[in-house]
Amino acid sequence: MTAQIERVRTYIHNFDENLQGGIPKGQVVLITGTPGTMKSSLAYSILYRNALENKIKSVYMTLEQSRENLIQQMATMGMDDEAVKEYVHVLDLGLIRKSLTQISAKGTWLQVFKMYADSLKHSLGYEILILDSLDVLEMAAQMGESRRTELFYLFEWLRNLGITSFLISETSPEAMLENKYDEGYLADGVISLKLQEIGETDIQRRIRAVKLRSTNHKTGYFSLLFSDGIFRATQVITE
């Protein structure tokens, strides 16, 4: 008899049902897409809904948006229940980055990221981590020719931390087909978001699970809708 895999729900209506219940616990998953595809909002909603429904502790590390700006943005989207504050912790790594501008030694930024992730794991006991974004971390860490190797060890380190990780990356569906897309091969899962033109005037957000280890999932696109603080995946709507 096959052992039941524990999963983290995304709470995207009709999407978890197509992922056998959600993301297997302990995996490293990329959330990819071009600007405007709501990557950060969708990632935050995973933490928010898990806190609201299951009291699961999580950490959102931002290197791009300030903590105040992120929280304000999520509040305008209806994700501002006071009960969640105890479980969702937002850390502004961008502020730390600014204070370390004089430090240029290769690898320093990976060490800073790991230090905070490990320290918060021990102090908070969080189960889910969002990194926004992997692209900025790579740039700050000055990954060069050894990028694939460094990503491999970073992803292994995250798995050994005993958490489920979602790493945001500004990658288009087309770029995933290029040989340089090392992170896609190294990650356990890839969730892709894109903007699809419908006719001459309409734009539709779409979502698909490109890969997800230990999961029998659909690989096609769904329309991604958002209302009342909740994401929904529906059958693709065409003209």
Protein backbone atom coordinates (compact mmCIF):
# COMPACT_ATOMS: atom_id res chain seq x y z
CA MET A 1 0.00 0.00 0.00
CA THR A 2 1.43 3.39 -1.06
CA ALA A 3 2.13 5.77 1.82
CA GLN A 4 -0.03 8.90 1.85
CA ILE A 5 1.94 12.04 0.93
CA GLU A 6 1.38 15.03 3.20
CA ARG A 7 0.60 18.12 1.17
CA VAL A 8 0.42 21.90 1.55
CA ARG A 9 -2.74 23.29 0.01
CA THR A 10 -2.44 26.32 -2.25
CA TYR A 11 -6.08 27.21 -1.54
CA ILE A 12 -6.50 28.12 -5.20
CA HIS A 13 -10.02 26.80 -5.76
CA ASN A 14 -10.08 23.90 -8.24
CA PHE A 15 -6.26 23.89 -8.52
CA ASP A 16 -5.44 21.72 -5.50
CA GLU A 17 -7.96 19.19 -6.79
CA ASN A 18 -5.76 18.84 -9.87
CA LEU A 19 -2.59 18.45 -7.76
CA GLN A 20 -3.85 15.48 -5.75
CA GLY A 21 -4.56 17.87 -2.88
CA GLY A 22 -1.65 20.33 -3.06
CA ILE A 23 2.14 20.60 -2.94
CA PRO A 24 4.01 17.70 -1.28
CA LYS A 25 5.49 18.93 1.99
CA GLY A 26 9.22 19.66 1.95
CA GLN A 27 9.46 20.45 -1.75
CA VAL A 28 11.08 23.45 -3.44
CA VAL A 29 8.61 24.97 -5.90
CA LEU A 30 9.14 27.84 -8.34
CA ILE A 31 6.34 30.32 -9.03
CA THR A 32 7.25 31.81 -12.40
CA GLY A 33 5.83 34.43 -14.71
CA THR A 34 6.32 37.83 -16.28
CA PRO A 35 5.39 41.12 -14.50
CA GLY A 36 1.66 41.54 -13.87
CA THR A 37 0.86 37.85 -13.48
CA MET A 38 0.25 38.23 -9.71
CA LYS A 39 3.12 35.98 -8.60
CA SER A 40 3.66 37.77 -5.28
CA SER A 41 -0.05 38.02 -4.54
CA LEU A 42 -0.62 34.35 -5.26
CA ALA A 43 2.39 33.32 -3.16
CA TYR A 44 1.26 35.47 -0.24
CA SER A 45 -2.27 34.06 -0.49
CA ILE A 46 -0.86 30.56 0.07
CA LEU A 47 0.63 31.69 3.38
CA TYR A 48 -2.45 33.72 4.27
CA ARG A 49 -4.99 30.96 3.65
CA ASN A 50 -2.88 28.32 5.41
CA ALA A 51 -2.61 30.61 8.44
CA LEU A 52 -6.32 31.38 8.40
CA GLU A 53 -7.50 27.81 7.88
CA ASN A 54 -4.80 25.73 9.61
CA LYS A 55 -2.82 28.14 11.84
CA ILE A 56 0.36 27.23 9.92
CA LYS A 57 3.33 29.53 10.53
CA SER A 58 5.16 30.92 7.55
CA VAL A 59 7.77 33.48 6.48
CA TYR A 60 7.68 35.77 3.44
CA MET A 61 11.16 37.13 2.61
CA THR A 62 11.08 40.06 0.22
CA LEU A 63 14.07 41.47 -1.61
CA GLU A 64 12.05 43.68 -3.95
CA GLN A 65 9.06 45.23 -2.15
CA SER A 66 9.26 46.85 1.25
CA ARG A 67 7.48 45.06 4.08
CA GLU A 68 5.02 47.94 4.55
CA ASN A 69 4.22 48.15 0.84
CA LEU A 70 3.63 44.40 0.58
CA ILE A 71 1.32 44.27 3.61
CA GLN A 72 -0.60 47.32 2.37
CA GLN A 73 -1.00 45.79 -1.08
CA MET A 74 -2.32 42.52 0.36
CA ALA A 75 -4.72 44.44 2.61
CA THR A 76 -6.25 46.18 -0.42
CA MET A 77 -6.83 42.70 -1.86
CA GLY A 78 -8.76 41.58 1.20
CA MET A 79 -5.96 39.63 2.86
CA ASP A 80 -5.79 41.52 6.16
CA ASP A 81 -7.48 39.39 8.82
CA GLU A 82 -5.96 40.27 12.22
CA ALA A 83 -5.89 36.58 13.20
CA VAL A 84 -3.25 35.93 10.53
CA LYS A 85 -0.62 38.33 11.94
CA GLU A 86 0.47 35.77 14.53
CA TYR A 87 1.30 33.21 11.85
CA VAL A 88 2.54 35.11 8.76
CA HIS A 89 5.88 36.91 9.23
CA VAL A 90 7.22 39.27 6.55
CA LEU A 91 10.96 39.96 6.53
CA ASP A 92 12.34 42.81 4.43
CA LEU A 93 15.69 41.48 3.19
CA GLY A 94 15.89 44.52 0.91
CA LEU A 95 16.64 46.73 3.93
CA ILE A 96 19.41 44.38 4.98
CA ARG A 97 20.71 44.40 1.41
CA LYS A 98 20.96 48.20 1.42
CA SER A 99 22.94 48.15 4.66
CA LEU A 100 25.39 45.64 3.17
CA THR A 101 26.09 47.44 -0.10
CA GLN A 102 29.78 47.66 0.77
CA ILE A 103 30.03 43.90 1.04
CA SER A 104 30.85 42.45 -2.35
CA ALA A 105 32.38 39.12 -1.45
CA LYS A 106 30.94 36.30 -3.52
CA GLY A 107 28.56 34.11 -1.56
CA THR A 108 27.84 36.71 1.14
CA TRP A 109 24.21 37.08 0.17
CA LEU A 110 23.51 33.37 0.20
CA GLN A 111 25.00 33.25 3.68
CA VAL A 112 22.79 36.14 4.84
CA PHE A 113 19.67 34.51 3.39
CA LYS A 114 20.50 31.15 4.97
CA MET A 115 21.29 32.75 8.32
CA TYR A 116 17.88 34.43 8.52
CA ALA A 117 15.98 31.42 7.18
CA ASP A 118 17.69 29.11 9.68
CA SER A 119 17.37 31.52 12.62
CA LEU A 120 13.66 32.08 12.00
CA LYS A 121 13.12 28.35 11.62
CA HIS A 122 14.44 27.85 15.15
CA SER A 123 12.68 30.87 16.69
CA LEU A 124 9.31 30.65 14.91
CA GLY A 125 9.13 27.04 13.78
CA TYR A 126 7.63 28.09 10.43
CA GLU A 127 6.59 25.47 7.88
CA ILE A 128 6.33 27.48 4.65
CA LEU A 129 8.82 29.95 3.15
CA ILE A 130 8.35 32.41 0.28
CA LEU A 131 11.39 34.03 -1.32
CA ASP A 132 10.59 37.09 -3.46
CA SER A 133 12.57 36.79 -5.56
CA LEU A 134 15.09 34.15 -6.58
CA ASP A 135 16.29 36.41 -9.40
CA VAL A 136 17.36 39.19 -7.01
CA LEU A 137 19.02 36.71 -4.65
CA GLU A 138 21.01 35.28 -7.58
CA MET A 139 22.07 38.75 -8.67
CA ALA A 140 23.03 39.85 -5.17
CA ALA A 141 24.93 36.60 -4.57
CA GLN A 142 26.82 37.17 -7.84
CA MET A 143 26.24 33.69 -9.16
CA GLY A 144 28.35 33.21 -12.24
CA GLU A 145 29.51 30.14 -14.11
CA SER A 146 28.85 28.02 -11.03
CA ARG A 147 25.17 29.09 -10.96
CA ARG A 148 23.74 25.61 -11.52
CA THR A 149 25.90 24.12 -8.77
CA GLU A 150 25.06 26.90 -6.33
CA LEU A 151 21.33 26.53 -7.04
CA PHE A 152 21.58 22.78 -6.55
CA TYR A 153 23.10 23.18 -3.10
CA LEU A 154 20.69 26.01 -2.21
CA PHE A 155 17.67 23.86 -3.06
CA GLU A 156 19.14 20.91 -1.15
CA TRP A 157 19.71 23.19 1.84
CA LEU A 158 16.08 24.32 1.76
CA ARG A 159 14.84 20.72 1.66
CA ASN A 160 17.05 19.84 4.62
CA LEU A 161 15.55 22.74 6.55
CA GLY A 162 12.33 20.71 6.71
CA ILE A 163 10.08 23.35 5.13
CA THR A 164 8.06 23.79 1.95
CA SER A 165 9.59 26.58 -0.15
CA PHE A 166 8.07 28.74 -2.87
CA LEU A 167 10.63 30.76 -4.86
CA ILE A 168 9.30 33.54 -7.08
CA SER A 169 11.05 33.93 -10.43
CA GLU A 170 10.42 36.29 -13.35
CA THR A 171 10.58 33.69 -16.09
CA SER A 172 8.29 33.50 -19.10
CA PRO A 173 6.89 30.16 -20.32
CA GLU A 174 9.06 30.53 -23.44
CA ALA A 175 12.26 31.01 -21.40
CA MET A 176 11.60 27.72 -19.60
CA LEU A 177 12.38 25.89 -22.83
CA GLU A 178 15.87 27.35 -22.98
CA ASN A 179 18.86 25.32 -21.79
CA LYS A 180 19.75 28.06 -19.28
CA TYR A 181 16.66 27.36 -17.18
CA ASP A 182 18.62 25.40 -14.56
CA GLU A 183 16.31 26.22 -11.66
CA GLY A 184 13.38 24.57 -13.43
CA TYR A 185 15.25 21.28 -13.67
CA LEU A 186 16.57 21.45 -10.11
CA ALA A 187 13.29 22.40 -8.39
CA ASP A 188 10.72 19.83 -7.33
CA GLY A 189 7.92 21.81 -8.90
CA VAL A 190 7.19 24.69 -11.27
CA ILE A 191 3.95 26.66 -11.26
CA SER A 192 3.76 28.97 -14.27
CA LEU A 193 1.63 32.12 -14.57
CA LYS A 194 1.11 34.01 -17.79
CA LEU A 195 -0.96 36.73 -19.46
CA GLN A 196 -2.89 35.47 -22.46
CA GLU A 197 -4.32 37.79 -25.11
CA ILE A 198 -7.95 37.03 -25.92
CA GLY A 199 -9.05 38.68 -29.13
CA GLU A 200 -7.94 42.28 -29.64
CA THR A 201 -8.98 43.82 -26.33
CA ASP A 202 -8.92 41.28 -23.50
CA ILE A 203 -6.08 39.86 -21.40
CA GLN A 204 -6.55 36.75 -19.26
CA ARG A 205 -4.34 35.44 -16.46
CA ARG A 206 -3.57 31.74 -16.65
CA ILE A 207 -1.89 29.18 -14.41
CA ARG A 208 -0.46 25.71 -14.93
CA ALA A 209 1.59 23.18 -13.02
CA VAL A 210 4.51 22.56 -15.37
CA LYS A 211 5.98 19.89 -13.09
CA LEU A 212 5.39 18.61 -9.57
CA ARG A 213 7.26 15.59 -8.28
CA SER A 214 5.36 12.78 -6.58
CA THR A 215 2.13 14.10 -8.09
CA ASN A 216 -0.14 12.95 -10.89
CA HIS A 217 -1.33 16.33 -12.09
CA LYS A 218 -2.84 18.00 -15.13
CA THR A 219 -0.26 20.00 -17.09
CA GLY A 220 -2.62 22.24 -19.07
CA TYR A 221 -3.49 25.86 -18.37
CA PHE A 222 -6.40 27.08 -16.26
CA SER A 223 -7.83 30.59 -16.22
CA LEU A 224 -6.75 32.32 -12.99
CA LEU A 225 -9.38 34.53 -11.38
CA PHE A 226 -9.21 36.59 -8.20
CA SER A 227 -12.07 38.03 -6.16
CA ASP A 228 -12.93 38.55 -2.48
CA GLY A 229 -9.39 37.62 -1.42
CA ILE A 230 -9.53 34.19 -3.09
CA PHE A 231 -7.85 32.79 -6.21
CA ARG A 232 -9.79 30.43 -8.44
CA ALA A 233 -8.66 28.22 -11.31
CA THR A 234 -11.32 27.55 -13.92
CA GLN A 235 -11.49 25.90 -17.30
CA VAL A 236 -9.88 28.17 -19.89
CA ILE A 237 -12.35 30.70 -21.21
CA THR A 238 -12.02 31.39 -24.93
CA GLU A 239 -13.87 33.69 -27.27
